[in-house]
Amino acid sequence: SLLLVWCAFALSPLATPVLGGKPRGVDRVFSRETPLGVAKNLRDKPPQ
């Protein structure tokens, strides 16, 4: 039981800050359909 709980934690995104390691990139966190570039552009040039 303890091994299963540890494996579930170690493989989850929550383990990265605790165990260290490289966080997943934005391209792996969000869908390709997510308008990331649009949101960044609108932050850089806020609409009036």
All heavy atoms as atom14 arrays in JSON, in Angstrom:
{
  "sequence": "SLLLVWCAFALSPLATPVLGGKPRGVDRVFSRETPLGVAKNLRDKPPQ",
  "atom14_mask": [
    [1, 1, 1, 1, 1, 1, 0, 0, 0, 0, 0, 0, 0, 0],
    [1, 1, 1, 1, 1, 1, 1, 1, 0, 0, 0, 0, 0, 0],
    [1, 1, 1, 1, 1, 1, 1, 1, 0, 0, 0, 0, 0, 0],
    [1, 1, 1, 1, 1, 1, 1, 1, 0, 0, 0, 0, 0, 0],
    [1, 1, 1, 1, 1, 1, 1, 0, 0, 0, 0, 0, 0, 0],
    [1, 1, 1, 1, 1, 1, 1, 1, 1, 1, 1, 1, 1, 1],
    [1, 1, 1, 1, 1, 1, 0, 0, 0, 0, 0, 0, 0, 0],
    [1, 1, 1, 1, 1, 0, 0, 0, 0, 0, 0, 0, 0, 0],
    [1, 1, 1, 1, 1, 1, 1, 1, 1, 1, 1, 0, 0, 0],
    [1, 1, 1, 1, 1, 0, 0, 0, 0, 0, 0, 0, 0, 0],
    [1, 1, 1, 1, 1, 1, 1, 1, 0, 0, 0, 0, 0, 0],
    [1, 1, 1, 1, 1, 1, 0, 0, 0, 0, 0, 0, 0, 0],
    [1, 1, 1, 1, 1, 1, 1, 0, 0, 0, 0, 0, 0, 0],
    [1, 1, 1, 1, 1, 1, 1, 1, 0, 0, 0, 0, 0, 0],
    [1, 1, 1, 1, 1, 0, 0, 0, 0, 0, 0, 0, 0, 0],
    [1, 1, 1, 1, 1, 1, 1, 0, 0, 0, 0, 0, 0, 0],
    [1, 1, 1, 1, 1, 1, 1, 0, 0, 0, 0, 0, 0, 0],
    [1, 1, 1, 1, 1, 1, 1, 0, 0, 0, 0, 0, 0, 0],
    [1, 1, 1, 1, 1, 1, 1, 1, 0, 0, 0, 0, 0, 0],
    [1, 1, 1, 1, 0, 0, 0, 0, 0, 0, 0, 0, 0, 0],
    [1, 1, 1, 1, 0, 0, 0, 0, 0, 0, 0, 0, 0, 0],
    [1, 1, 1, 1, 1, 1, 1, 1, 1, 0, 0, 0, 0, 0],
    [1, 1, 1, 1, 1, 1, 1, 0, 0, 0, 0, 0, 0, 0],
    [1, 1, 1, 1, 1, 1, 1, 1, 1, 1, 1, 0, 0, 0],
    [1, 1, 1, 1, 0, 0, 0, 0, 0, 0, 0, 0, 0, 0],
    [1, 1, 1, 1, 1, 1, 1, 0, 0, 0, 0, 0, 0, 0],
    [1, 1, 1, 1, 1, 1, 1, 1, 0, 0, 0, 0, 0, 0],
    [1, 1, 1, 1, 1, 1, 1, 1, 1, 1, 1, 0, 0, 0],
    [1, 1, 1, 1, 1, 1, 1, 0, 0, 0, 0, 0, 0, 0],
    [1, 1, 1, 1, 1, 1, 1, 1, 1, 1, 1, 0, 0, 0],
    [1, 1, 1, 1, 1, 1, 0, 0, 0, 0, 0, 0, 0, 0],
    [1, 1, 1, 1, 1, 1, 1, 1, 1, 1, 1, 0, 0, 0],
    [1, 1, 1, 1, 1, 1, 1, 1, 1, 0, 0, 0, 0, 0],
    [1, 1, 1, 1, 1, 1, 1, 0, 0, 0, 0, 0, 0, 0],
    [1, 1, 1, 1, 1, 1, 1, 0, 0, 0, 0, 0, 0, 0],
    [1, 1, 1, 1, 1, 1, 1, 1, 0, 0, 0, 0, 0, 0],
    [1, 1, 1, 1, 0, 0, 0, 0, 0, 0, 0, 0, 0, 0],
    [1, 1, 1, 1, 1, 1, 1, 0, 0, 0, 0, 0, 0, 0],
    [1, 1, 1, 1, 1, 0, 0, 0, 0, 0, 0, 0, 0, 0],
    [1, 1, 1, 1, 1, 1, 1, 1, 1, 0, 0, 0, 0, 0],
    [1, 1, 1, 1, 1, 1, 1, 1, 0, 0, 0, 0, 0, 0],
    [1, 1, 1, 1, 1, 1, 1, 1, 0, 0, 0, 0, 0, 0],
    [1, 1, 1, 1, 1, 1, 1, 1, 1, 1, 1, 0, 0, 0],
    [1, 1, 1, 1, 1, 1, 1, 1, 0, 0, 0, 0, 0, 0],
    [1, 1, 1, 1, 1, 1, 1, 1, 1, 0, 0, 0, 0, 0],
    [1, 1, 1, 1, 1, 1, 1, 0, 0, 0, 0, 0, 0, 0],
    [1, 1, 1, 1, 1, 1, 1, 0, 0, 0, 0, 0, 0, 0],
    [1, 1, 1, 1, 1, 1, 1, 1, 1, 0, 0, 0, 0, 0]
  ],
  "atom14_positions": [
    [[0.84, -1.21, 0.0], [0.0, 0.0, 0.0], [0.86, 1.25, 0.0], [0.6, 2.21, -0.74], [-0.93, 0.01, 1.22], [-1.8, -1.08, 1.19], [0.0, 0.0, 0.0], [0.0, 0.0, 0.0], [0.0, 0.0, 0.0], [0.0, 0.0, 0.0], [0.0, 0.0, 0.0], [0.0, 0.0, 0.0], [0.0, 0.0, 0.0], [0.0, 0.0, 0.0]],
    [[1.88, 1.27, 0.83], [2.78, 2.41, 0.89], [3.51, 2.6, -0.44], [3.66, 3.74, -0.91], [3.79, 2.21, 2.03], [4.73, 3.37, 2.32], [3.92, 4.61, 2.71], [5.67, 3.0, 3.44], [0.0, 0.0, 0.0], [0.0, 0.0, 0.0], [0.0, 0.0, 0.0], [0.0, 0.0, 0.0], [0.0, 0.0, 0.0], [0.0, 0.0, 0.0]],
    [[3.94, 1.52, -1.07], [4.61, 1.6, -2.36], [3.67, 2.17, -3.43], [4.08, 3.02, -4.23], [5.11, 0.21, -2.79], [5.79, 0.15, -4.15], [7.07, 0.96, -4.13], [6.08, -1.29, -4.53], [0.0, 0.0, 0.0], [0.0, 0.0, 0.0], [0.0, 0.0, 0.0], [0.0, 0.0, 0.0], [0.0, 0.0, 0.0], [0.0, 0.0, 0.0]],
    [[2.42, 1.76, -3.45], [1.46, 2.27, -4.42], [1.2, 3.76, -4.22], [1.14, 4.53, -5.19], [0.15, 1.49, -4.35], [0.21, 0.05, -4.87], [-1.11, -0.66, -4.61], [0.55, 0.03, -6.34], [0.0, 0.0, 0.0], [0.0, 0.0, 0.0], [0.0, 0.0, 0.0], [0.0, 0.0, 0.0], [0.0, 0.0, 0.0], [0.0, 0.0, 0.0]],
    [[1.07, 4.18, -2.97], [0.86, 5.6, -2.69], [2.08, 6.41, -3.13], [1.95, 7.46, -3.75], [0.54, 5.83, -1.19], [0.61, 7.29, -0.82], [-0.81, 5.24, -0.84], [0.0, 0.0, 0.0], [0.0, 0.0, 0.0], [0.0, 0.0, 0.0], [0.0, 0.0, 0.0], [0.0, 0.0, 0.0], [0.0, 0.0, 0.0], [0.0, 0.0, 0.0]],
    [[3.27, 5.91, -2.84], [4.5, 6.6, -3.24], [4.61, 6.7, -4.76], [4.95, 7.76, -5.29], [5.73, 5.91, -2.66], [7.0, 6.53, -3.18], [7.86, 6.03, -4.09], [7.5, 7.82, -2.84], [8.87, 6.91, -4.34], [8.67, 8.03, -3.58], [7.07, 8.81, -1.98], [9.43, 9.18, -3.49], [7.83, 9.98, -1.9], [8.99, 10.15, -2.65]],
    [[4.29, 5.64, -5.48], [4.36, 5.65, -6.94], [3.37, 6.67, -7.52], [3.71, 7.41, -8.43], [4.08, 4.27, -7.52], [5.43, 3.11, -7.25], [0.0, 0.0, 0.0], [0.0, 0.0, 0.0], [0.0, 0.0, 0.0], [0.0, 0.0, 0.0], [0.0, 0.0, 0.0], [0.0, 0.0, 0.0], [0.0, 0.0, 0.0], [0.0, 0.0, 0.0]],
    [[2.17, 6.69, -6.98], [1.17, 7.64, -7.46], [1.66, 9.07, -7.24], [1.52, 9.93, -8.11], [-0.17, 7.41, -6.76], [0.0, 0.0, 0.0], [0.0, 0.0, 0.0], [0.0, 0.0, 0.0], [0.0, 0.0, 0.0], [0.0, 0.0, 0.0], [0.0, 0.0, 0.0], [0.0, 0.0, 0.0], [0.0, 0.0, 0.0], [0.0, 0.0, 0.0]],
    [[2.24, 9.35, -6.08], [2.76, 10.69, -5.8], [3.96, 11.02, -6.69], [4.03, 12.09, -7.27], [3.17, 10.79, -4.33], [3.86, 12.09, -4.01], [3.14, 13.27, -3.93], [5.23, 12.13, -3.83], [3.77, 14.47, -3.66], [5.88, 13.32, -3.57], [5.14, 14.5, -3.47], [0.0, 0.0, 0.0], [0.0, 0.0, 0.0], [0.0, 0.0, 0.0]],
    [[4.89, 10.08, -6.82], [6.12, 10.34, -7.58], [5.83, 10.6, -9.06], [6.56, 11.35, -9.71], [7.08, 9.16, -7.42], [0.0, 0.0, 0.0], [0.0, 0.0, 0.0], [0.0, 0.0, 0.0], [0.0, 0.0, 0.0], [0.0, 0.0, 0.0], [0.0, 0.0, 0.0], [0.0, 0.0, 0.0], [0.0, 0.0, 0.0], [0.0, 0.0, 0.0]],
    [[4.78, 10.02, -9.59], [4.45, 10.2, -11.0], [3.53, 11.39, -11.26], [3.29, 11.76, -12.39], [3.81, 8.92, -11.56], [4.73, 7.7, -11.58], [3.96, 6.46, -12.01], [5.94, 7.93, -12.47], [0.0, 0.0, 0.0], [0.0, 0.0, 0.0], [0.0, 0.0, 0.0], [0.0, 0.0, 0.0], [0.0, 0.0, 0.0], [0.0, 0.0, 0.0]],
    [[3.03, 12.0, -10.21], [2.11, 13.12, -10.38], [2.88, 14.42, -10.53], [4.04, 14.54, -10.13], [1.16, 13.21, -9.18], [1.83, 13.77, -8.08], [0.0, 0.0, 0.0], [0.0, 0.0, 0.0], [0.0, 0.0, 0.0], [0.0, 0.0, 0.0], [0.0, 0.0, 0.0], [0.0, 0.0, 0.0], [0.0, 0.0, 0.0], [0.0, 0.0, 0.0]],
    [[2.24, 15.46, -11.1], [2.9, 16.77, -11.22], [3.23, 17.4, -9.87], [4.11, 18.25, -9.77], [1.87, 17.62, -11.97], [0.94, 16.67, -12.6], [0.96, 15.42, -11.78], [0.0, 0.0, 0.0], [0.0, 0.0, 0.0], [0.0, 0.0, 0.0], [0.0, 0.0, 0.0], [0.0, 0.0, 0.0], [0.0, 0.0, 0.0], [0.0, 0.0, 0.0]],
    [[2.55, 16.98, -8.82], [2.82, 17.54, -7.49], [4.2, 17.15, -6.96], [4.73, 17.81, -6.08], [1.76, 17.05, -6.5], [0.32, 17.5, -6.76], [-0.63, 16.8, -5.8], [0.22, 19.0, -6.62], [0.0, 0.0, 0.0], [0.0, 0.0, 0.0], [0.0, 0.0, 0.0], [0.0, 0.0, 0.0], [0.0, 0.0, 0.0], [0.0, 0.0, 0.0]],
    [[4.76, 16.08, -7.5], [6.06, 15.61, -7.01], [7.22, 16.5, -7.46], [8.25, 16.54, -6.8], [6.3, 14.18, -7.46], [0.0, 0.0, 0.0], [0.0, 0.0, 0.0], [0.0, 0.0, 0.0], [0.0, 0.0, 0.0], [0.0, 0.0, 0.0], [0.0, 0.0, 0.0], [0.0, 0.0, 0.0], [0.0, 0.0, 0.0], [0.0, 0.0, 0.0]],
    [[7.05, 17.21, -8.58], [8.17, 18.0, -9.12], [8.72, 19.01, -8.12], [9.93, 19.04, -7.9], [7.74, 18.7, -10.43], [7.32, 17.69, -11.35], [8.88, 19.47, -11.04], [0.0, 0.0, 0.0], [0.0, 0.0, 0.0], [0.0, 0.0, 0.0], [0.0, 0.0, 0.0], [0.0, 0.0, 0.0], [0.0, 0.0, 0.0], [0.0, 0.0, 0.0]],
    [[7.89, 19.84, -7.47], [8.48, 20.78, -6.51], [9.07, 20.11, -5.28], [10.03, 20.6, -4.7], [7.33, 21.7, -6.12], [6.13, 21.26, -6.85], [6.48, 20.07, -7.66], [0.0, 0.0, 0.0], [0.0, 0.0, 0.0], [0.0, 0.0, 0.0], [0.0, 0.0, 0.0], [0.0, 0.0, 0.0], [0.0, 0.0, 0.0], [0.0, 0.0, 0.0]],
    [[8.49, 18.97, -4.89], [8.95, 18.3, -3.68], [10.22, 17.5, -3.95], [11.2, 17.58, -3.2], [7.84, 17.39, -3.11], [8.35, 16.59, -1.92], [6.62, 18.19, -2.73], [0.0, 0.0, 0.0], [0.0, 0.0, 0.0], [0.0, 0.0, 0.0], [0.0, 0.0, 0.0], [0.0, 0.0, 0.0], [0.0, 0.0, 0.0], [0.0, 0.0, 0.0]],
    [[10.22, 16.72, -5.02], [11.34, 15.84, -5.32], [12.39, 16.5, -6.21], [13.46, 15.97, -6.41], [10.84, 14.56, -6.0], [9.85, 13.72, -5.19], [9.38, 12.54, -6.02], [10.5, 13.24, -3.9], [0.0, 0.0, 0.0], [0.0, 0.0, 0.0], [0.0, 0.0, 0.0], [0.0, 0.0, 0.0], [0.0, 0.0, 0.0], [0.0, 0.0, 0.0]],
    [[12.04, 17.65, -6.77], [12.95, 18.32, -7.68], [12.73, 17.8, -9.09], [11.91, 16.93, -9.35], [0.0, 0.0, 0.0], [0.0, 0.0, 0.0], [0.0, 0.0, 0.0], [0.0, 0.0, 0.0], [0.0, 0.0, 0.0], [0.0, 0.0, 0.0], [0.0, 0.0, 0.0], [0.0, 0.0, 0.0], [0.0, 0.0, 0.0], [0.0, 0.0, 0.0]],
    [[13.43, 18.35, -10.0], [13.28, 17.94, -11.39], [12.75, 19.09, -12.23], [12.38, 20.15, -11.74], [0.0, 0.0, 0.0], [0.0, 0.0, 0.0], [0.0, 0.0, 0.0], [0.0, 0.0, 0.0], [0.0, 0.0, 0.0], [0.0, 0.0, 0.0], [0.0, 0.0, 0.0], [0.0, 0.0, 0.0], [0.0, 0.0, 0.0], [0.0, 0.0, 0.0]],
    [[12.72, 18.85, -13.51], [12.31, 19.87, -14.46], [10.79, 19.85, -14.61], [10.2, 18.82, -14.9], [12.97, 19.58, -15.81], [12.71, 20.59, -16.86], [13.46, 20.23, -18.13], [13.07, 21.19, -19.24], [13.6, 20.75, -20.52], [0.0, 0.0, 0.0], [0.0, 0.0, 0.0], [0.0, 0.0, 0.0], [0.0, 0.0, 0.0], [0.0, 0.0, 0.0]],
    [[10.14, 21.0, -14.43], [8.69, 21.04, -14.61], [8.31, 20.8, -16.07], [9.09, 21.08, -16.98], [8.29, 22.45, -14.17], [9.53, 23.18, -13.85], [10.69, 22.27, -14.01], [0.0, 0.0, 0.0], [0.0, 0.0, 0.0], [0.0, 0.0, 0.0], [0.0, 0.0, 0.0], [0.0, 0.0, 0.0], [0.0, 0.0, 0.0], [0.0, 0.0, 0.0]],
    [[7.1, 20.32, -16.28], [6.63, 20.09, -17.64], [6.46, 21.42, -18.36], [6.08, 22.41, -17.76], [5.28, 19.36, -17.62], [5.4, 17.95, -17.09], [4.12, 17.2, -17.19], [3.08, 17.83, -16.37], [1.8, 17.54, -16.44], [1.39, 16.64, -17.3], [0.93, 18.13, -15.67], [0.0, 0.0, 0.0], [0.0, 0.0, 0.0], [0.0, 0.0, 0.0]],
    [[6.74, 21.4, -19.64], [6.6, 22.61, -20.44], [5.13, 22.93, -20.69], [4.26, 22.08, -20.58], [0.0, 0.0, 0.0], [0.0, 0.0, 0.0], [0.0, 0.0, 0.0], [0.0, 0.0, 0.0], [0.0, 0.0, 0.0], [0.0, 0.0, 0.0], [0.0, 0.0, 0.0], [0.0, 0.0, 0.0], [0.0, 0.0, 0.0], [0.0, 0.0, 0.0]],
    [[4.88, 24.17, -21.07], [3.52, 24.63, -21.32], [2.86, 23.76, -22.39], [1.67, 23.48, -22.32], [3.54, 26.12, -21.74], [2.2, 26.57, -22.24], [3.99, 26.97, -20.58], [0.0, 0.0, 0.0], [0.0, 0.0, 0.0], [0.0, 0.0, 0.0], [0.0, 0.0, 0.0], [0.0, 0.0, 0.0], [0.0, 0.0, 0.0], [0.0, 0.0, 0.0]],
    [[3.63, 23.34, -23.39], [3.07, 22.53, -24.46], [2.59, 21.17, -23.98], [1.76, 20.53, -24.62], [4.1, 22.36, -25.59], [5.39, 21.72, -25.11], [5.81, 22.0, -23.97], [5.98, 20.94, -25.88], [0.0, 0.0, 0.0], [0.0, 0.0, 0.0], [0.0, 0.0, 0.0], [0.0, 0.0, 0.0], [0.0, 0.0, 0.0], [0.0, 0.0, 0.0]],
    [[3.1, 20.71, -22.84], [2.66, 19.42, -22.29], [1.58, 19.59, -21.23], [0.93, 18.62, -20.86], [3.85, 18.68, -21.69], [4.86, 18.32, -22.77], [5.76, 17.18, -22.47], [5.11, 16.05, -21.88], [5.68, 15.27, -20.95], [6.89, 15.57, -20.52], [5.05, 14.24, -20.47], [0.0, 0.0, 0.0], [0.0, 0.0, 0.0], [0.0, 0.0, 0.0]],
    [[1.38, 20.8, -20.75], [0.39, 21.04, -19.71], [-0.97, 21.36, -20.34], [-2.0, 20.89, -19.85], [0.83, 22.2, -18.79], [-0.25, 22.53, -17.79], [2.12, 21.83, -18.06], [0.0, 0.0, 0.0], [0.0, 0.0, 0.0], [0.0, 0.0, 0.0], [0.0, 0.0, 0.0], [0.0, 0.0, 0.0], [0.0, 0.0, 0.0], [0.0, 0.0, 0.0]],
    [[-0.98, 22.15, -21.42], [-2.23, 22.6, -22.02], [-2.43, 21.97, -23.39], [-1.48, 21.61, -24.08], [-2.23, 24.13, -22.17], [-2.12, 24.85, -20.87], [-0.95, 25.49, -20.51], [-3.17, 24.86, -19.98], [-0.84, 26.15, -19.31], [-3.08, 25.52, -18.77], [-1.91, 26.16, -18.43], [0.0, 0.0, 0.0], [0.0, 0.0, 0.0], [0.0, 0.0, 0.0]],
    [[-3.67, 21.92, -23.81], [-4.03, 21.41, -25.12], [-3.45, 22.31, -26.21], [-3.26, 23.5, -26.0], [-5.56, 21.38, -25.22], [-5.98, 21.3, -26.56], [0.0, 0.0, 0.0], [0.0, 0.0, 0.0], [0.0, 0.0, 0.0], [0.0, 0.0, 0.0], [0.0, 0.0, 0.0], [0.0, 0.0, 0.0], [0.0, 0.0, 0.0], [0.0, 0.0, 0.0]],
    [[-3.24, 21.74, -27.39], [-2.74, 22.53, -28.51], [-3.76, 23.57, -28.96], [-3.42, 24.54, -29.61], [-2.39, 21.62, -29.69], [-1.18, 20.76, -29.44], [-0.97, 19.71, -30.51], [-1.48, 20.06, -31.82], [-0.75, 20.17, -32.91], [0.53, 19.93, -32.85], [-1.3, 20.47, -34.06], [0.0, 0.0, 0.0], [0.0, 0.0, 0.0], [0.0, 0.0, 0.0]],
    [[-5.03, 23.35, -28.62], [-6.09, 24.28, -28.99], [-6.19, 25.48, -28.05], [-6.93, 26.42, -28.32], [-7.45, 23.57, -29.04], [-7.61, 22.67, -30.24], [-6.91, 21.32, -30.08], [-6.83, 20.84, -28.94], [-6.42, 20.77, -31.08], [0.0, 0.0, 0.0], [0.0, 0.0, 0.0], [0.0, 0.0, 0.0], [0.0, 0.0, 0.0], [0.0, 0.0, 0.0]],
    [[-5.47, 25.46, -26.95], [-5.5, 26.57, -26.0], [-4.81, 27.78, -26.62], [-3.67, 27.67, -27.07], [-4.8, 26.18, -24.68], [-5.4, 24.99, -24.18], [-4.92, 27.28, -23.65], [0.0, 0.0, 0.0], [0.0, 0.0, 0.0], [0.0, 0.0, 0.0], [0.0, 0.0, 0.0], [0.0, 0.0, 0.0], [0.0, 0.0, 0.0], [0.0, 0.0, 0.0]],
    [[-5.47, 28.93, -26.66], [-4.88, 30.11, -27.32], [-3.84, 30.83, -26.45], [-4.02, 31.98, -26.04], [-6.11, 31.0, -27.59], [-7.05, 30.65, -26.49], [-6.84, 29.18, -26.21], [0.0, 0.0, 0.0], [0.0, 0.0, 0.0], [0.0, 0.0, 0.0], [0.0, 0.0, 0.0], [0.0, 0.0, 0.0], [0.0, 0.0, 0.0], [0.0, 0.0, 0.0]],
    [[-2.75, 30.15, -26.18], [-1.69, 30.71, -25.32], [-1.1, 31.98, -25.93], [-0.88, 32.97, -25.23], [-0.59, 29.68, -25.09], [-1.0, 28.39, -24.39], [0.13, 27.37, -24.44], [-1.41, 28.67, -22.96], [0.0, 0.0, 0.0], [0.0, 0.0, 0.0], [0.0, 0.0, 0.0], [0.0, 0.0, 0.0], [0.0, 0.0, 0.0], [0.0, 0.0, 0.0]],
    [[-0.82, 31.95, -27.24], [-0.23, 33.11, -27.9], [-1.15, 34.32, -27.9], [-0.7, 35.45, -27.74], [0.0, 0.0, 0.0], [0.0, 0.0, 0.0], [0.0, 0.0, 0.0], [0.0, 0.0, 0.0], [0.0, 0.0, 0.0], [0.0, 0.0, 0.0], [0.0, 0.0, 0.0], [0.0, 0.0, 0.0], [0.0, 0.0, 0.0], [0.0, 0.0, 0.0]],
    [[-2.44, 34.08, -28.06], [-3.41, 35.18, -28.05], [-3.43, 35.84, -26.68], [-3.39, 37.07, -26.56], [-4.83, 34.67, -28.43], [-5.86, 35.77, -28.25], [-4.84, 34.14, -29.85], [0.0, 0.0, 0.0], [0.0, 0.0, 0.0], [0.0, 0.0, 0.0], [0.0, 0.0, 0.0], [0.0, 0.0, 0.0], [0.0, 0.0, 0.0], [0.0, 0.0, 0.0]],
    [[-3.48, 35.02, -25.62], [-3.51, 35.57, -24.27], [-2.24, 36.38, -23.98], [-2.32, 37.47, -23.42], [-3.66, 34.44, -23.24], [0.0, 0.0, 0.0], [0.0, 0.0, 0.0], [0.0, 0.0, 0.0], [0.0, 0.0, 0.0], [0.0, 0.0, 0.0], [0.0, 0.0, 0.0], [0.0, 0.0, 0.0], [0.0, 0.0, 0.0], [0.0, 0.0, 0.0]],
    [[-1.09, 35.88, -24.41], [0.17, 36.61, -24.2], [0.15, 37.93, -24.96], [0.53, 38.97, -24.44], [1.37, 35.77, -24.62], [2.69, 36.5, -24.39], [3.87, 35.67, -24.82], [5.19, 36.35, -24.57], [5.24, 37.8, -24.64], [0.0, 0.0, 0.0], [0.0, 0.0, 0.0], [0.0, 0.0, 0.0], [0.0, 0.0, 0.0], [0.0, 0.0, 0.0]],
    [[-0.32, 37.89, -26.2], [-0.39, 39.11, -27.0], [-1.3, 40.14, -26.35], [-0.98, 41.33, -26.31], [-0.88, 38.78, -28.41], [-1.04, 40.03, -29.24], [-2.15, 40.57, -29.32], [0.04, 40.5, -29.82], [0.0, 0.0, 0.0], [0.0, 0.0, 0.0], [0.0, 0.0, 0.0], [0.0, 0.0, 0.0], [0.0, 0.0, 0.0], [0.0, 0.0, 0.0]],
    [[-2.45, 39.7, -25.84], [-3.38, 40.63, -25.2], [-2.83, 41.16, -23.88], [-3.13, 42.3, -23.5], [-4.74, 39.98, -25.01], [-5.5, 39.66, -26.31], [-6.79, 38.91, -26.0], [-5.77, 40.92, -27.1], [0.0, 0.0, 0.0], [0.0, 0.0, 0.0], [0.0, 0.0, 0.0], [0.0, 0.0, 0.0], [0.0, 0.0, 0.0], [0.0, 0.0, 0.0]],
    [[-2.01, 40.36, -23.19], [-1.35, 40.88, -21.98], [-0.33, 41.94, -22.35], [-0.18, 42.95, -21.67], [-0.68, 39.75, -21.2], [-1.6, 38.9, -20.39], [-0.84, 38.0, -19.42], [0.29, 37.29, -19.99], [0.23, 36.09, -20.58], [-0.93, 35.47, -20.67], [1.31, 35.53, -21.05], [0.0, 0.0, 0.0], [0.0, 0.0, 0.0], [0.0, 0.0, 0.0]],
    [[0.41, 41.7, -23.45], [1.44, 42.64, -23.89], [0.83, 43.94, -24.42], [1.42, 45.01, -24.3], [2.32, 42.02, -24.98], [3.17, 40.88, -24.45], [3.32, 40.75, -23.21], [3.7, 40.1, -25.28], [0.0, 0.0, 0.0], [0.0, 0.0, 0.0], [0.0, 0.0, 0.0], [0.0, 0.0, 0.0], [0.0, 0.0, 0.0], [0.0, 0.0, 0.0]],
    [[-0.34, 43.83, -25.07], [-1.03, 44.98, -25.65], [-2.48, 44.96, -25.18], [-3.38, 44.58, -25.92], [-0.99, 44.92, -27.18], [0.4, 44.95, -27.75], [0.36, 44.76, -29.24], [1.77, 44.69, -29.79], [1.78, 44.36, -31.21], [0.0, 0.0, 0.0], [0.0, 0.0, 0.0], [0.0, 0.0, 0.0], [0.0, 0.0, 0.0], [0.0, 0.0, 0.0]],
    [[-2.73, 45.36, -23.93], [-4.09, 45.26, -23.38], [-5.11, 46.04, -24.21], [-4.87, 47.18, -24.59], [-3.95, 45.87, -21.98], [-2.5, 45.81, -21.66], [-1.78, 45.92, -22.97], [0.0, 0.0, 0.0], [0.0, 0.0, 0.0], [0.0, 0.0, 0.0], [0.0, 0.0, 0.0], [0.0, 0.0, 0.0], [0.0, 0.0, 0.0], [0.0, 0.0, 0.0]],
    [[-6.23, 45.39, -24.51], [-7.26, 46.06, -25.31], [-7.98, 47.14, -24.52], [-8.17, 47.02, -23.32], [-8.22, 44.92, -25.67], [-7.98, 43.86, -24.66], [-6.56, 44.02, -24.18], [0.0, 0.0, 0.0], [0.0, 0.0, 0.0], [0.0, 0.0, 0.0], [0.0, 0.0, 0.0], [0.0, 0.0, 0.0], [0.0, 0.0, 0.0], [0.0, 0.0, 0.0]],
    [[-8.35, 48.2, -25.22], [-9.09, 49.31, -24.63], [-10.52, 49.27, -25.18], [-10.93, 50.14, -25.92], [-8.43, 50.64, -24.97], [-6.99, 50.75, -24.55], [-6.82, 50.64, -23.06], [-7.57, 51.23, -22.29], [-5.85, 49.86, -22.63], [0.0, 0.0, 0.0], [0.0, 0.0, 0.0], [0.0, 0.0, 0.0], [0.0, 0.0, 0.0], [0.0, 0.0, 0.0]]
  ]
}
